[in-house]
Amino acid sequence: MTVRESCGLARRLAQAPRPVLGSGPLAGHPAREAAMPFVNIRLYAGHGTERKDEIARRVTDTIAEVCKLPREAVWVVFEDVPPPDWYVAGKPGQPPKK
């Protein structure tokens, strides 16, 4: 599926009426009622809040623009992975250089 096709699908799903499921903190939230792009970003543990804020802002802006969705419909989640748990070529990662 191309980016254009997936954005079109996301737009169609976002416009379809959807029931609100559950009763968690997002129940009734407008963004919860529509299909949302969910972006999961894994990166070495240790990146600061300012860097993550900037990454999340840019990812959100780009997806919202390309898919023609409101920013509120885009979710971004960061998963911090300790370097020793991140393997490349069968070897554990090294702590980031300062």
PDB file of N, CA and C in Angstrom:
ATOM      1  N   MET A   1       0.849  -1.172   0.000  1.00  0.00           N
ATOM      2  CA  MET A   1       0.000   0.000   0.000  1.00  0.00           C
ATOM      3  C   MET A   1       0.894   1.235   0.000  1.00  0.00           C
ATOM      4  N   THR A   2       0.595   2.156  -0.877  1.00  0.00           N
ATOM      5  CA  THR A   2       1.386   3.379  -0.956  1.00  0.00           C
ATOM      6  C   THR A   2       0.986   4.343   0.156  1.00  0.00           C
ATOM      7  N   VAL A   3       1.810   5.364   0.375  1.00  0.00           N
ATOM      8  CA  VAL A   3       1.487   6.388   1.371  1.00  0.00           C
ATOM      9  C   VAL A   3       0.173   7.067   1.010  1.00  0.00           C
ATOM     10  N   ARG A   4      -0.001   7.369  -0.268  1.00  0.00           N
ATOM     11  CA  ARG A   4      -1.240   8.031  -0.707  1.00  0.00           C
ATOM     12  C   ARG A   4      -2.454   7.146  -0.415  1.00  0.00           C
ATOM     13  N   GLU A   5      -2.345   5.841  -0.686  1.00  0.00           N
ATOM     14  CA  GLU A   5      -3.456   4.930  -0.414  1.00  0.00           C
ATOM     15  C   GLU A   5      -3.740   4.836   1.075  1.00  0.00           C
ATOM     16  N   SER A   6      -2.688   4.749   1.898  1.00  0.00           N
ATOM     17  CA  SER A   6      -2.905   4.630   3.340  1.00  0.00           C
ATOM     18  C   SER A   6      -3.491   5.916   3.913  1.00  0.00           C
ATOM     19  N   CYS A   7      -3.093   7.071   3.383  1.00  0.00           N
ATOM     20  CA  CYS A   7      -3.677   8.339   3.841  1.00  0.00           C
ATOM     21  C   CYS A   7      -5.144   8.416   3.445  1.00  0.00           C
ATOM     22  N   GLY A   8      -5.465   7.957   2.233  1.00  0.00           N
ATOM     23  CA  GLY A   8      -6.863   7.946   1.803  1.00  0.00           C
ATOM     24  C   GLY A   8      -7.696   7.043   2.687  1.00  0.00           C
ATOM     25  N   LEU A   9      -7.165   5.888   3.024  1.00  0.00           N
ATOM     26  CA  LEU A   9      -7.855   4.971   3.921  1.00  0.00           C
ATOM     27  C   LEU A   9      -8.042   5.618   5.284  1.00  0.00           C
ATOM     28  N   ALA A  10      -7.009   6.263   5.804  1.00  0.00           N
ATOM     29  CA  ALA A  10      -7.111   6.928   7.108  1.00  0.00           C
ATOM     30  C   ALA A  10      -8.182   8.010   7.077  1.00  0.00           C
ATOM     31  N   ARG A  11      -8.259   8.778   5.983  1.00  0.00           N
ATOM     32  CA  ARG A  11      -9.291   9.823   5.866  1.00  0.00           C
ATOM     33  C   ARG A  11     -10.683   9.209   5.872  1.00  0.00           C
ATOM     34  N   ARG A  12     -10.872   8.134   5.096  1.00  0.00           N
ATOM     35  CA  ARG A  12     -12.195   7.500   5.041  1.00  0.00           C
ATOM     36  C   ARG A  12     -12.583   6.938   6.399  1.00  0.00           C
ATOM     37  N   LEU A  13     -11.644   6.311   7.076  1.00  0.00           N
ATOM     38  CA  LEU A  13     -11.942   5.768   8.397  1.00  0.00           C
ATOM     39  C   LEU A  13     -12.231   6.878   9.400  1.00  0.00           C
ATOM     40  N   ALA A  14     -11.517   7.982   9.294  1.00  0.00           N
ATOM     41  CA  ALA A  14     -11.725   9.096  10.221  1.00  0.00           C
ATOM     42  C   ALA A  14     -13.105   9.708  10.039  1.00  0.00           C
ATOM     43  N   GLN A  15     -13.661   9.634   8.829  1.00  0.00           N
ATOM     44  CA  GLN A  15     -14.966  10.225   8.561  1.00  0.00           C
ATOM     45  C   GLN A  15     -16.112   9.282   8.918  1.00  0.00           C
ATOM     46  N   ALA A  16     -15.820   8.006   9.075  1.00  0.00           N
ATOM     47  CA  ALA A  16     -16.865   7.041   9.393  1.00  0.00           C
ATOM     48  C   ALA A  16     -17.264   7.166  10.861  1.00  0.00           C
ATOM     49  N   PRO A  17     -18.574   7.094  11.155  1.00  0.00           N
ATOM     50  CA  PRO A  17     -18.983   7.156  12.564  1.00  0.00           C
ATOM     51  C   PRO A  17     -18.478   5.926  13.301  1.00  0.00           C
ATOM     52  N   ARG A  18     -17.970   6.156  14.502  1.00  0.00           N
ATOM     53  CA  ARG A  18     -17.432   5.052  15.294  1.00  0.00           C
ATOM     54  C   ARG A  18     -17.919   5.200  16.717  1.00  0.00           C
ATOM     55  N   PRO A  19     -18.337   4.110  17.333  1.00  0.00           N
ATOM     56  CA  PRO A  19     -18.748   4.209  18.734  1.00  0.00           C
ATOM     57  C   PRO A  19     -17.535   4.405  19.630  1.00  0.00           C
ATOM     58  N   VAL A  20     -17.768   5.034  20.748  1.00  0.00           N
ATOM     59  CA  VAL A  20     -16.712   5.194  21.744  1.00  0.00           C
ATOM     60  C   VAL A  20     -16.737   3.951  22.614  1.00  0.00           C
ATOM     61  N   LEU A  21     -15.618   3.262  22.681  1.00  0.00           N
ATOM     62  CA  LEU A  21     -15.532   2.032  23.450  1.00  0.00           C
ATOM     63  C   LEU A  21     -14.886   2.291  24.791  1.00  0.00           C
ATOM     64  N   GLY A  22     -15.309   1.577  25.802  1.00  0.00           N
ATOM     65  CA  GLY A  22     -14.663   1.672  27.106  1.00  0.00           C
ATOM     66  C   GLY A  22     -15.010   2.944  27.841  1.00  0.00           C
ATOM     67  N   SER A  23     -14.369   3.098  28.978  1.00  0.00           N
ATOM     68  CA  SER A  23     -14.644   4.270  29.802  1.00  0.00           C
ATOM     69  C   SER A  23     -13.361   4.845  30.368  1.00  0.00           C
ATOM     70  N   GLY A  24     -12.260   4.690  29.659  1.00  0.00           N
ATOM     71  CA  GLY A  24     -10.974   5.202  30.125  1.00  0.00           C
ATOM     72  C   GLY A  24     -10.892   6.707  29.979  1.00  0.00           C
ATOM     73  N   PRO A  25      -9.700   7.255  30.188  1.00  0.00           N
ATOM     74  CA  PRO A  25      -9.536   8.704  30.145  1.00  0.00           C
ATOM     75  C   PRO A  25      -9.812   9.309  28.770  1.00  0.00           C
ATOM     76  N   LEU A  26      -9.833   8.490  27.725  1.00  0.00           N
ATOM     77  CA  LEU A  26     -10.082   9.015  26.380  1.00  0.00           C
ATOM     78  C   LEU A  26     -11.515   8.809  25.917  1.00  0.00           C
ATOM     79  N   ALA A  27     -12.336   8.147  26.729  1.00  0.00           N
ATOM     80  CA  ALA A  27     -13.721   7.924  26.334  1.00  0.00           C
ATOM     81  C   ALA A  27     -14.394   9.270  26.111  1.00  0.00           C
ATOM     82  N   GLY A  28     -15.032   9.415  24.967  1.00  0.00           N
ATOM     83  CA  GLY A  28     -15.716  10.649  24.645  1.00  0.00           C
ATOM     84  C   GLY A  28     -14.835  11.704  24.006  1.00  0.00           C
ATOM     85  N   HIS A  29     -13.531  11.501  24.007  1.00  0.00           N
ATOM     86  CA  HIS A  29     -12.619  12.466  23.384  1.00  0.00           C
ATOM     87  C   HIS A  29     -12.826  12.393  21.878  1.00  0.00           C
ATOM     88  N   PRO A  30     -12.958  13.551  21.197  1.00  0.00           N
ATOM     89  CA  PRO A  30     -13.228  13.527  19.751  1.00  0.00           C
ATOM     90  C   PRO A  30     -12.223  12.707  18.953  1.00  0.00           C
ATOM     91  N   ALA A  31     -10.949  12.769  19.301  1.00  0.00           N
ATOM     92  CA  ALA A  31      -9.943  12.016  18.548  1.00  0.00           C
ATOM     93  C   ALA A  31     -10.126  10.522  18.732  1.00  0.00           C
ATOM     94  N   ARG A  32     -10.726  10.099  19.847  1.00  0.00           N
ATOM     95  CA  ARG A  32     -10.919   8.676  20.131  1.00  0.00           C
ATOM     96  C   ARG A  32     -12.000   8.091  19.240  1.00  0.00           C
ATOM     97  N   GLU A  33     -12.915   8.942  18.754  1.00  0.00           N
ATOM     98  CA  GLU A  33     -14.038   8.450  17.972  1.00  0.00           C
ATOM     99  C   GLU A  33     -13.670   8.159  16.517  1.00  0.00           C
ATOM    100  N   ALA A  34     -12.512   8.580  16.068  1.00  0.00           N
ATOM    101  CA  ALA A  34     -12.098   8.382  14.679  1.00  0.00           C
ATOM    102  C   ALA A  34     -10.869   7.493  14.631  1.00  0.00           C
ATOM    103  N   ALA A  35     -10.659   6.873  13.470  1.00  0.00           N
ATOM    104  CA  ALA A  35      -9.435   6.100  13.289  1.00  0.00           C
ATOM    105  C   ALA A  35      -8.259   7.062  13.317  1.00  0.00           C
ATOM    106  N   MET A  36      -7.210   6.689  14.024  1.00  0.00           N
ATOM    107  CA  MET A  36      -6.074   7.590  14.182  1.00  0.00           C
ATOM    108  C   MET A  36      -4.793   6.930  13.725  1.00  0.00           C
ATOM    109  N   PRO A  37      -3.926   7.686  13.063  1.00  0.00           N
ATOM    110  CA  PRO A  37      -2.576   7.174  12.847  1.00  0.00           C
ATOM    111  C   PRO A  37      -1.880   7.072  14.204  1.00  0.00           C
ATOM    112  N   PHE A  38      -1.275   5.942  14.460  1.00  0.00           N
ATOM    113  CA  PHE A  38      -0.564   5.701  15.715  1.00  0.00           C
ATOM    114  C   PHE A  38       0.893   5.459  15.348  1.00  0.00           C
ATOM    115  N   VAL A  39       1.767   6.337  15.803  1.00  0.00           N
ATOM    116  CA  VAL A  39       3.184   6.256  15.463  1.00  0.00           C
ATOM    117  C   VAL A  39       3.948   5.816  16.702  1.00  0.00           C
ATOM    118  N   ASN A  40       4.620   4.680  16.604  1.00  0.00           N
ATOM    119  CA  ASN A  40       5.411   4.159  17.714  1.00  0.00           C
ATOM    120  C   ASN A  40       6.879   4.334  17.350  1.00  0.00           C
ATOM    121  N   ILE A  41       7.579   5.149  18.137  1.00  0.00           N
ATOM    122  CA  ILE A  41       8.981   5.444  17.862  1.00  0.00           C
ATOM    123  C   ILE A  41       9.837   4.806  18.939  1.00  0.00           C
ATOM    124  N   ARG A  42      10.723   3.911  18.524  1.00  0.00           N
ATOM    125  CA  ARG A  42      11.672   3.295  19.458  1.00  0.00           C
ATOM    126  C   ARG A  42      13.013   3.962  19.273  1.00  0.00           C
ATOM    127  N   LEU A  43      13.628   4.331  20.385  1.00  0.00           N
ATOM    128  CA  LEU A  43      14.944   4.939  20.319  1.00  0.00           C
ATOM    129  C   LEU A  43      15.705   4.622  21.588  1.00  0.00           C
ATOM    130  N   TYR A  44      17.019   4.798  21.485  1.00  0.00           N
ATOM    131  CA  TYR A  44      17.861   4.588  22.662  1.00  0.00           C
ATOM    132  C   TYR A  44      17.312   5.387  23.834  1.00  0.00           C
ATOM    133  N   ALA A  45      17.316   4.775  25.008  1.00  0.00           N
ATOM    134  CA  ALA A  45      16.923   5.487  26.222  1.00  0.00           C
ATOM    135  C   ALA A  45      17.898   6.634  26.460  1.00  0.00           C
ATOM    136  N   GLY A  46      17.404   7.710  27.029  1.00  0.00           N
ATOM    137  CA  GLY A  46      18.277   8.812  27.380  1.00  0.00           C
ATOM    138  C   GLY A  46      18.048  10.089  26.603  1.00  0.00           C
ATOM    139  N   HIS A  47      17.192  10.038  25.583  1.00  0.00           N
ATOM    140  CA  HIS A  47      16.882  11.273  24.861  1.00  0.00           C
ATOM    141  C   HIS A  47      15.984  12.133  25.744  1.00  0.00           C
ATOM    142  N   GLY A  48      16.248  13.406  25.790  1.00  0.00           N
ATOM    143  CA  GLY A  48      15.522  14.317  26.662  1.00  0.00           C
ATOM    144  C   GLY A  48      14.122  14.652  26.168  1.00  0.00           C
ATOM    145  N   THR A  49      13.349  15.237  27.062  1.00  0.00           N
ATOM    146  CA  THR A  49      11.980  15.633  26.752  1.00  0.00           C
ATOM    147  C   THR A  49      11.926  16.643  25.613  1.00  0.00           C
ATOM    148  N   GLU A  50      12.847  17.598  25.607  1.00  0.00           N
ATOM    149  CA  GLU A  50      12.837  18.604  24.533  1.00  0.00           C
ATOM    150  C   GLU A  50      13.004  17.957  23.161  1.00  0.00           C
ATOM    151  N   ARG A  51      13.898  16.990  23.055  1.00  0.00           N
ATOM    152  CA  ARG A  51      14.118  16.308  21.771  1.00  0.00           C
ATOM    153  C   ARG A  51      12.873  15.514  21.376  1.00  0.00           C
ATOM    154  N   LYS A  52      12.296  14.780  22.326  1.00  0.00           N
ATOM    155  CA  LYS A  52      11.091  14.006  22.031  1.00  0.00           C
ATOM    156  C   LYS A  52       9.930  14.923  21.652  1.00  0.00           C
ATOM    157  N   ASP A  53       9.797  16.050  22.343  1.00  0.00           N
ATOM    158  CA  ASP A  53       8.744  17.011  22.002  1.00  0.00           C
ATOM    159  C   ASP A  53       8.881  17.481  20.556  1.00  0.00           C
ATOM    160  N   GLU A  54      10.102  17.781  20.153  1.00  0.00           N
ATOM    161  CA  GLU A  54      10.348  18.262  18.785  1.00  0.00           C
ATOM    162  C   GLU A  54      10.066  17.167  17.760  1.00  0.00           C
ATOM    163  N   ILE A  55      10.509  15.944  18.042  1.00  0.00           N
ATOM    164  CA  ILE A  55      10.237  14.822  17.131  1.00  0.00           C
ATOM    165  C   ILE A  55       8.731  14.613  17.008  1.00  0.00           C
ATOM    166  N   ALA A  56       8.034  14.578  18.144  1.00  0.00           N
ATOM    167  CA  ALA A  56       6.583  14.359  18.133  1.00  0.00           C
ATOM    168  C   ALA A  56       5.868  15.466  17.358  1.00  0.00           C
ATOM    169  N   ARG A  57       6.296  16.710  17.537  1.00  0.00           N
ATOM    170  CA  ARG A  57       5.675  17.831  16.835  1.00  0.00           C
ATOM    171  C   ARG A  57       5.846  17.685  15.321  1.00  0.00           C
ATOM    172  N   ARG A  58       7.072  17.356  14.901  1.00  0.00           N
ATOM    173  CA  ARG A  58       7.339  17.236  13.460  1.00  0.00           C
ATOM    174  C   ARG A  58       6.603  16.051  12.840  1.00  0.00           C
ATOM    175  N   VAL A  59       6.605  14.912  13.531  1.00  0.00           N
ATOM    176  CA  VAL A  59       5.903  13.726  13.023  1.00  0.00           C
ATOM    177  C   VAL A  59       4.406  14.023  12.920  1.00  0.00           C
ATOM    178  N   THR A  60       3.843  14.621  13.961  1.00  0.00           N
ATOM    179  CA  THR A  60       2.419  14.956  13.971  1.00  0.00           C
ATOM    180  C   THR A  60       2.073  15.912  12.838  1.00  0.00           C
ATOM    181  N   ASP A  61       2.853  16.973  12.692  1.00  0.00           N
ATOM    182  CA  ASP A  61       2.591  17.951  11.628  1.00  0.00           C
ATOM    183  C   ASP A  61       2.649  17.306  10.249  1.00  0.00           C
ATOM    184  N   THR A  62       3.640  16.456  10.021  1.00  0.00           N
ATOM    185  CA  THR A  62       3.811  15.829   8.710  1.00  0.00           C
ATOM    186  C   THR A  62       2.661  14.887   8.386  1.00  0.00           C
ATOM    187  N   ILE A  63       2.305  14.019   9.322  1.00  0.00           N
ATOM    188  CA  ILE A  63       1.219  13.068   9.065  1.00  0.00           C
ATOM    189  C   ILE A  63      -0.101  13.806   8.889  1.00  0.00           C
ATOM    190  N   ALA A  64      -0.357  14.802   9.723  1.00  0.00           N
ATOM    191  CA  ALA A  64      -1.597  15.575   9.602  1.00  0.00           C
ATOM    192  C   ALA A  64      -1.675  16.261   8.240  1.00  0.00           C
ATOM    193  N   GLU A  65      -0.566  16.825   7.783  1.00  0.00           N
ATOM    194  CA  GLU A  65      -0.542  17.519   6.491  1.00  0.00           C
ATOM    195  C   GLU A  65      -0.726  16.547   5.329  1.00  0.00           C
ATOM    196  N   VAL A  66       0.047  15.469   5.315  1.00  0.00           N
ATOM    197  CA  VAL A  66       0.004  14.523   4.195  1.00  0.00           C
ATOM    198  C   VAL A  66      -1.335  13.793   4.130  1.00  0.00           C
ATOM    199  N   CYS A  67      -1.865  13.410   5.282  1.00  0.00           N
ATOM    200  CA  CYS A  67      -3.119  12.644   5.320  1.00  0.00           C
ATOM    201  C   CYS A  67      -4.357  13.529   5.435  1.00  0.00           C
ATOM    202  N   LYS A  68      -4.145  14.840   5.533  1.00  0.00           N
ATOM    203  CA  LYS A  68      -5.248  15.794   5.655  1.00  0.00           C
ATOM    204  C   LYS A  68      -6.157  15.437   6.830  1.00  0.00           C
ATOM    205  N   LEU A  69      -5.530  15.271   7.985  1.00  0.00           N
ATOM    206  CA  LEU A  69      -6.229  14.956   9.229  1.00  0.00           C
ATOM    207  C   LEU A  69      -5.940  16.047  10.249  1.00  0.00           C
ATOM    208  N   PRO A  70      -6.805  16.208  11.236  1.00  0.00           N
ATOM    209  CA  PRO A  70      -6.488  17.161  12.301  1.00  0.00           C
ATOM    210  C   PRO A  70      -5.321  16.633  13.133  1.00  0.00           C
ATOM    211  N   ARG A  71      -4.531  17.529  13.676  1.00  0.00           N
ATOM    212  CA  ARG A  71      -3.378  17.133  14.496  1.00  0.00           C
ATOM    213  C   ARG A  71      -3.824  16.232  15.655  1.00  0.00           C
ATOM    214  N   GLU A  72      -5.023  16.485  16.180  1.00  0.00           N
ATOM    215  CA  GLU A  72      -5.531  15.723  17.326  1.00  0.00           C
ATOM    216  C   GLU A  72      -5.751  14.253  16.997  1.00  0.00           C
ATOM    217  N   ALA A  73      -5.797  13.916  15.718  1.00  0.00           N
ATOM    218  CA  ALA A  73      -6.022  12.530  15.313  1.00  0.00           C
ATOM    219  C   ALA A  73      -4.734  11.721  15.245  1.00  0.00           C
ATOM    220  N   VAL A  74      -3.593  12.368  15.416  1.00  0.00           N
ATOM    221  CA  VAL A  74      -2.295  11.685  15.302  1.00  0.00           C
ATOM    222  C   VAL A  74      -1.732  11.432  16.694  1.00  0.00           C
ATOM    223  N   TRP A  75      -1.439  10.178  16.976  1.00  0.00           N
ATOM    224  CA  TRP A  75      -0.855   9.801  18.269  1.00  0.00           C
ATOM    225  C   TRP A  75       0.593   9.388  18.058  1.00  0.00           C
ATOM    226  N   VAL A  76       1.464   9.824  18.946  1.00  0.00           N
ATOM    227  CA  VAL A  76       2.881   9.461  18.902  1.00  0.00           C
ATOM    228  C   VAL A  76       3.266   8.913  20.269  1.00  0.00           C
ATOM    229  N   VAL A  77       3.903   7.760  20.273  1.00  0.00           N
ATOM    230  CA  VAL A  77       4.368   7.132  21.513  1.00  0.00           C
ATOM    231  C   VAL A  77       5.850   6.821  21.367  1.00  0.00           C
ATOM    232  N   PHE A  78       6.608   7.115  22.406  1.00  0.00           N
ATOM    233  CA  PHE A  78       8.031   6.797  22.417  1.00  0.00           C
ATOM    234  C   PHE A  78       8.269   5.589  23.309  1.00  0.00           C
ATOM    235  N   GLU A  79       9.097   4.684  22.837  1.00  0.00           N
ATOM    236  CA  GLU A  79       9.565   3.558  23.641  1.00  0.00           C
ATOM    237  C   GLU A  79      11.066   3.711  23.799  1.00  0.00           C
ATOM    238  N   ASP A  80      11.502   3.914  25.031  1.00  0.00           N
ATOM    239  CA  ASP A  80      12.935   4.010  25.313  1.00  0.00           C
ATOM    240  C   ASP A  80      13.501   2.608  25.481  1.00  0.00           C
ATOM    241  N   VAL A  81      14.512   2.296  24.716  1.00  0.00           N
ATOM    242  CA  VAL A  81      15.152   0.982  24.772  1.00  0.00           C
ATOM    243  C   VAL A  81      16.561   1.163  25.317  1.00  0.00           C
ATOM    244  N   PRO A  82      16.890   0.482  26.415  1.00  0.00           N
ATOM    245  CA  PRO A  82      18.259   0.577  26.928  1.00  0.00           C
ATOM    246  C   PRO A  82      19.240   0.066  25.865  1.00  0.00           C
ATOM    247  N   PRO A  83      20.350   0.767  25.643  1.00  0.00           N
ATOM    248  CA  PRO A  83      21.310   0.355  24.610  1.00  0.00           C
ATOM    249  C   PRO A  83      21.704  -1.124  24.661  1.00  0.00           C
ATOM    250  N   PRO A  84      21.927  -1.725  25.849  1.00  0.00           N
ATOM    251  CA  PRO A  84      22.302  -3.151  25.841  1.00  0.00           C
ATOM    252  C   PRO A  84      21.199  -4.071  25.308  1.00  0.00           C
ATOM    253  N   ASP A  85      19.944  -3.576  25.257  1.00  0.00           N
ATOM    254  CA  ASP A  85      18.833  -4.381  24.742  1.00  0.00           C
ATOM    255  C   ASP A  85      18.584  -4.148  23.254  1.00  0.00           C
ATOM    256  N   TRP A  86      19.374  -3.285  22.627  1.00  0.00           N
ATOM    257  CA  TRP A  86      19.210  -2.947  21.212  1.00  0.00           C
ATOM    258  C   TRP A  86      20.366  -3.592  20.456  1.00  0.00           C
ATOM    259  N   TYR A  87      20.094  -4.656  19.748  1.00  0.00           N
ATOM    260  CA  TYR A  87      21.142  -5.415  19.060  1.00  0.00           C
ATOM    261  C   TYR A  87      21.230  -5.021  17.592  1.00  0.00           C
ATOM    262  N   VAL A  88      22.438  -4.869  17.111  1.00  0.00           N
ATOM    263  CA  VAL A  88      22.713  -4.624  15.700  1.00  0.00           C
ATOM    264  C   VAL A  88      23.780  -5.625  15.285  1.00  0.00           C
ATOM    265  N   ALA A  89      23.513  -6.377  14.239  1.00  0.00           N
ATOM    266  CA  ALA A  89      24.439  -7.404  13.754  1.00  0.00           C
ATOM    267  C   ALA A  89      24.797  -8.390  14.861  1.00  0.00           C
ATOM    268  N   GLY A  90      23.822  -8.685  15.727  1.00  0.00           N
ATOM    269  CA  GLY A  90      24.040  -9.669  16.785  1.00  0.00           C
ATOM    270  C   GLY A  90      24.804  -9.164  17.988  1.00  0.00           C
ATOM    271  N   LYS A  91      25.093  -7.874  18.031  1.00  0.00           N
ATOM    272  CA  LYS A  91      25.856  -7.318  19.149  1.00  0.00           C
ATOM    273  C   LYS A  91      25.025  -6.260  19.862  1.00  0.00           C
ATOM    274  N   PRO A  92      25.105  -6.245  21.209  1.00  0.00           N
ATOM    275  CA  PRO A  92      24.328  -5.246  21.954  1.00  0.00           C
ATOM    276  C   PRO A  92      24.832  -3.837  21.670  1.00  0.00           C
ATOM    277  N   GLY A  93      23.905  -2.891  21.742  1.00  0.00           N
ATOM    278  CA  GLY A  93      24.243  -1.496  21.499  1.00  0.00           C
ATOM    279  C   GLY A  93      25.139  -0.932  22.576  1.00  0.00           C
ATOM    280  N   GLN A  94      25.786   0.141  22.238  1.00  0.00           N
ATOM    281  CA  GLN A  94      26.671   0.849  23.163  1.00  0.00           C
ATOM    282  C   GLN A  94      25.950   2.103  23.658  1.00  0.00           C
ATOM    283  N   PRO A  95      26.305   2.568  24.856  1.00  0.00           N
ATOM    284  CA  PRO A  95      25.703   3.813  25.340  1.00  0.00           C
ATOM    285  C   PRO A  95      25.957   4.939  24.343  1.00  0.00           C
ATOM    286  N   PRO A  96      24.996   5.866  24.212  1.00  0.00           N
ATOM    287  CA  PRO A  96      25.195   6.964  23.258  1.00  0.00           C
ATOM    288  C   PRO A  96      26.392   7.825  23.634  1.00  0.00           C
ATOM    289  N   LYS A  97      27.066   8.319  22.607  1.00  0.00           N
ATOM    290  CA  LYS A  97      28.216   9.192  22.851  1.00  0.00           C
ATOM    291  C   LYS A  97      27.709  10.554  23.291  1.00  0.00           C
ATOM    292  N   LYS A  98      28.371  11.123  24.245  1.00  0.00           N
ATOM    293  CA  LYS A  98      27.963  12.434  24.784  1.00  0.00           C
ATOM    294  C   LYS A  98      28.577  13.542  23.987  1.00  0.00           C
TER     295      LYS A  98
END
